[in-house]
N, C-alpha and C. Protein backbone atom coordinates (compact mmCIF):
# COMPACT_ATOMS: atom_id res chain seq x y z
N MET A 1 -18.17 -1.45 -4.48
CA MET A 1 -17.42 -2.55 -3.95
C MET A 1 -17.41 -2.45 -2.43
N LYS A 2 -17.76 -3.52 -1.75
CA LYS A 2 -17.80 -3.49 -0.29
C LYS A 2 -16.40 -3.66 0.29
N ARG A 3 -16.26 -3.25 1.54
CA ARG A 3 -14.97 -3.35 2.20
C ARG A 3 -14.58 -4.81 2.39
N ASN A 4 -13.31 -5.09 2.17
CA ASN A 4 -12.83 -6.45 2.37
C ASN A 4 -11.49 -6.49 3.11
N VAL A 5 -11.09 -5.37 3.70
CA VAL A 5 -9.84 -5.27 4.43
C VAL A 5 -10.16 -4.90 5.88
N GLY A 6 -9.66 -5.68 6.83
CA GLY A 6 -9.89 -5.41 8.25
C GLY A 6 -9.10 -4.21 8.74
N ARG A 7 -9.41 -3.78 9.96
CA ARG A 7 -8.75 -2.59 10.53
C ARG A 7 -7.25 -2.76 10.68
N LEU A 8 -6.84 -3.87 11.25
CA LEU A 8 -5.41 -4.10 11.47
C LEU A 8 -4.66 -4.16 10.14
N ASP A 9 -5.23 -4.82 9.18
CA ASP A 9 -4.64 -4.90 7.85
C ASP A 9 -4.57 -3.52 7.21
N ALA A 10 -5.60 -2.70 7.39
CA ALA A 10 -5.62 -1.35 6.83
C ALA A 10 -4.53 -0.49 7.46
N VAL A 11 -4.38 -0.58 8.77
CA VAL A 11 -3.33 0.20 9.45
C VAL A 11 -1.95 -0.25 8.98
N ALA A 12 -1.76 -1.55 8.81
CA ALA A 12 -0.48 -2.06 8.32
C ALA A 12 -0.20 -1.58 6.90
N ARG A 13 -1.23 -1.53 6.06
CA ARG A 13 -1.04 -1.06 4.69
C ARG A 13 -0.67 0.42 4.67
N ILE A 14 -1.32 1.22 5.50
CA ILE A 14 -1.00 2.65 5.53
C ILE A 14 0.42 2.87 6.05
N ALA A 15 0.78 2.17 7.13
CA ALA A 15 2.13 2.31 7.68
C ALA A 15 3.19 1.86 6.66
N GLY A 16 2.93 0.75 6.00
CA GLY A 16 3.85 0.27 4.97
C GLY A 16 3.94 1.24 3.80
N GLY A 17 2.80 1.82 3.42
CA GLY A 17 2.78 2.79 2.33
C GLY A 17 3.58 4.03 2.65
N VAL A 18 3.47 4.49 3.89
CA VAL A 18 4.25 5.66 4.30
C VAL A 18 5.75 5.34 4.29
N ALA A 19 6.11 4.15 4.75
CA ALA A 19 7.52 3.74 4.74
C ALA A 19 8.06 3.64 3.31
N VAL A 20 7.27 3.07 2.42
CA VAL A 20 7.70 2.95 1.02
C VAL A 20 7.77 4.33 0.37
N ALA A 21 6.86 5.23 0.73
CA ALA A 21 6.90 6.60 0.20
C ALA A 21 8.17 7.31 0.66
N ALA A 22 8.55 7.11 1.91
CA ALA A 22 9.79 7.72 2.41
C ALA A 22 10.99 7.16 1.65
N LEU A 23 10.99 5.86 1.39
CA LEU A 23 12.07 5.26 0.61
C LEU A 23 12.09 5.82 -0.81
N ALA A 24 10.92 6.06 -1.39
CA ALA A 24 10.85 6.63 -2.74
C ALA A 24 11.44 8.03 -2.77
N VAL A 25 11.17 8.81 -1.74
CA VAL A 25 11.73 10.17 -1.67
C VAL A 25 13.25 10.10 -1.54
N LEU A 26 13.73 9.21 -0.68
CA LEU A 26 15.18 9.05 -0.52
C LEU A 26 15.84 8.58 -1.82
N ALA A 27 15.18 7.69 -2.53
CA ALA A 27 15.72 7.21 -3.80
C ALA A 27 15.71 8.30 -4.86
N ALA A 28 14.67 9.13 -4.85
CA ALA A 28 14.57 10.21 -5.84
C ALA A 28 15.63 11.28 -5.61
N THR A 29 15.98 11.52 -4.36
CA THR A 29 17.00 12.53 -4.06
C THR A 29 18.41 11.99 -4.19
N GLY A 30 18.56 10.68 -4.37
CA GLY A 30 19.86 10.07 -4.54
C GLY A 30 20.53 9.70 -3.23
N THR A 31 19.84 9.85 -2.13
CA THR A 31 20.39 9.49 -0.82
C THR A 31 20.55 7.99 -0.69
N VAL A 32 19.62 7.24 -1.24
CA VAL A 32 19.63 5.78 -1.16
C VAL A 32 19.63 5.23 -2.58
N SER A 33 20.42 4.22 -2.80
CA SER A 33 20.43 3.55 -4.10
C SER A 33 19.48 2.36 -4.03
N VAL A 34 18.55 2.32 -4.96
CA VAL A 34 17.55 1.25 -4.97
C VAL A 34 17.75 0.41 -6.23
N PRO A 35 18.17 -0.85 -6.06
CA PRO A 35 18.33 -1.69 -7.24
C PRO A 35 16.97 -2.14 -7.78
N VAL A 36 16.91 -2.46 -9.03
CA VAL A 36 15.77 -3.05 -9.71
C VAL A 36 14.62 -2.07 -9.95
N VAL A 37 14.11 -1.43 -8.92
CA VAL A 37 12.95 -0.56 -9.09
C VAL A 37 13.36 0.90 -9.01
N SER A 38 12.58 1.73 -9.63
CA SER A 38 12.88 3.15 -9.62
C SER A 38 12.12 3.85 -8.52
N ALA A 39 12.45 5.10 -8.29
CA ALA A 39 11.75 5.90 -7.29
C ALA A 39 10.29 6.06 -7.68
N PHE A 40 10.02 6.18 -8.96
CA PHE A 40 8.64 6.31 -9.42
C PHE A 40 7.84 5.05 -9.12
N GLY A 41 8.42 3.90 -9.35
CA GLY A 41 7.76 2.64 -9.05
C GLY A 41 7.45 2.50 -7.57
N LEU A 42 8.39 2.92 -6.74
CA LEU A 42 8.15 2.90 -5.30
C LEU A 42 7.03 3.85 -4.91
N ALA A 43 6.99 5.02 -5.55
CA ALA A 43 5.93 5.99 -5.24
C ALA A 43 4.56 5.45 -5.63
N VAL A 44 4.47 4.77 -6.75
CA VAL A 44 3.20 4.18 -7.18
C VAL A 44 2.77 3.09 -6.20
N ALA A 45 3.71 2.25 -5.79
CA ALA A 45 3.39 1.20 -4.83
C ALA A 45 2.93 1.79 -3.50
N ALA A 46 3.58 2.86 -3.07
CA ALA A 46 3.19 3.53 -1.83
C ALA A 46 1.78 4.10 -1.93
N ALA A 47 1.48 4.72 -3.06
CA ALA A 47 0.15 5.30 -3.25
C ALA A 47 -0.93 4.21 -3.22
N VAL A 48 -0.66 3.09 -3.86
CA VAL A 48 -1.63 1.98 -3.87
C VAL A 48 -1.87 1.47 -2.45
N LEU A 49 -0.80 1.28 -1.69
CA LEU A 49 -0.96 0.79 -0.32
C LEU A 49 -1.74 1.77 0.54
N ILE A 50 -1.45 3.05 0.42
CA ILE A 50 -2.13 4.05 1.24
C ILE A 50 -3.60 4.14 0.86
N VAL A 51 -3.91 4.13 -0.42
CA VAL A 51 -5.31 4.20 -0.86
C VAL A 51 -6.08 2.95 -0.42
N GLU A 52 -5.48 1.79 -0.58
CA GLU A 52 -6.15 0.56 -0.14
C GLU A 52 -6.40 0.57 1.36
N GLY A 53 -5.44 1.05 2.13
CA GLY A 53 -5.61 1.11 3.57
C GLY A 53 -6.68 2.12 3.98
N ALA A 54 -6.69 3.27 3.32
CA ALA A 54 -7.64 4.32 3.66
C ALA A 54 -9.08 3.94 3.29
N THR A 55 -9.25 3.29 2.14
CA THR A 55 -10.59 2.92 1.70
C THR A 55 -11.02 1.56 2.22
N ARG A 56 -10.05 0.77 2.70
CA ARG A 56 -10.28 -0.59 3.19
C ARG A 56 -10.88 -1.50 2.11
N ARG A 57 -10.43 -1.28 0.90
CA ARG A 57 -10.86 -2.10 -0.24
C ARG A 57 -9.62 -2.53 -1.02
N CYS A 58 -9.55 -3.83 -1.34
CA CYS A 58 -8.42 -4.36 -2.08
C CYS A 58 -8.94 -5.17 -3.27
N LEU A 59 -8.54 -4.79 -4.46
CA LEU A 59 -8.99 -5.47 -5.66
C LEU A 59 -8.47 -6.91 -5.71
N LEU A 60 -7.24 -7.13 -5.30
CA LEU A 60 -6.69 -8.49 -5.31
C LEU A 60 -7.45 -9.39 -4.35
N TYR A 61 -7.80 -8.88 -3.17
CA TYR A 61 -8.61 -9.66 -2.24
C TYR A 61 -9.95 -10.01 -2.89
N ARG A 62 -10.54 -9.07 -3.60
CA ARG A 62 -11.84 -9.33 -4.23
C ARG A 62 -11.72 -10.42 -5.29
N VAL A 63 -10.69 -10.35 -6.10
CA VAL A 63 -10.48 -11.36 -7.14
C VAL A 63 -10.27 -12.74 -6.53
N LEU A 64 -9.54 -12.79 -5.41
CA LEU A 64 -9.25 -14.07 -4.77
C LEU A 64 -10.36 -14.54 -3.83
N GLY A 65 -11.38 -13.70 -3.62
CA GLY A 65 -12.49 -14.07 -2.76
C GLY A 65 -12.19 -13.97 -1.27
N ILE A 66 -11.21 -13.16 -0.91
CA ILE A 66 -10.83 -13.01 0.49
C ILE A 66 -11.59 -11.84 1.10
N ASP A 67 -12.14 -12.05 2.29
CA ASP A 67 -12.84 -10.98 3.01
C ASP A 67 -12.34 -10.97 4.45
N ARG A 68 -11.52 -9.98 4.80
CA ARG A 68 -10.96 -9.90 6.14
C ARG A 68 -11.63 -8.83 6.98
N CYS A 69 -12.72 -8.28 6.47
CA CYS A 69 -13.47 -7.27 7.21
C CYS A 69 -14.63 -7.95 7.90
N PRO A 70 -14.59 -8.08 9.24
CA PRO A 70 -15.63 -8.82 9.94
C PRO A 70 -17.03 -8.17 9.83
N VAL A 71 -17.08 -6.86 9.90
CA VAL A 71 -18.35 -6.13 9.82
C VAL A 71 -18.15 -4.96 8.88
N ASP A 72 -19.07 -4.76 7.97
CA ASP A 72 -18.94 -3.64 7.02
C ASP A 72 -19.48 -2.38 7.58
């Protein structure tokens, strides 16, 4: 699968993933109460964001036909 995520988008995904991972740790330790989703769900979402940012590949972008990577 070719890259379809631009640099700025990749950096934003990694930063967002790290923030969500920190929230997951806080929720798991009981420091923060998270309604609706569990700490495990937040950890999975964080992992997906970090992997997508690091590899610069997004399955949803591929399905929707979006290509934000100007040069591969």
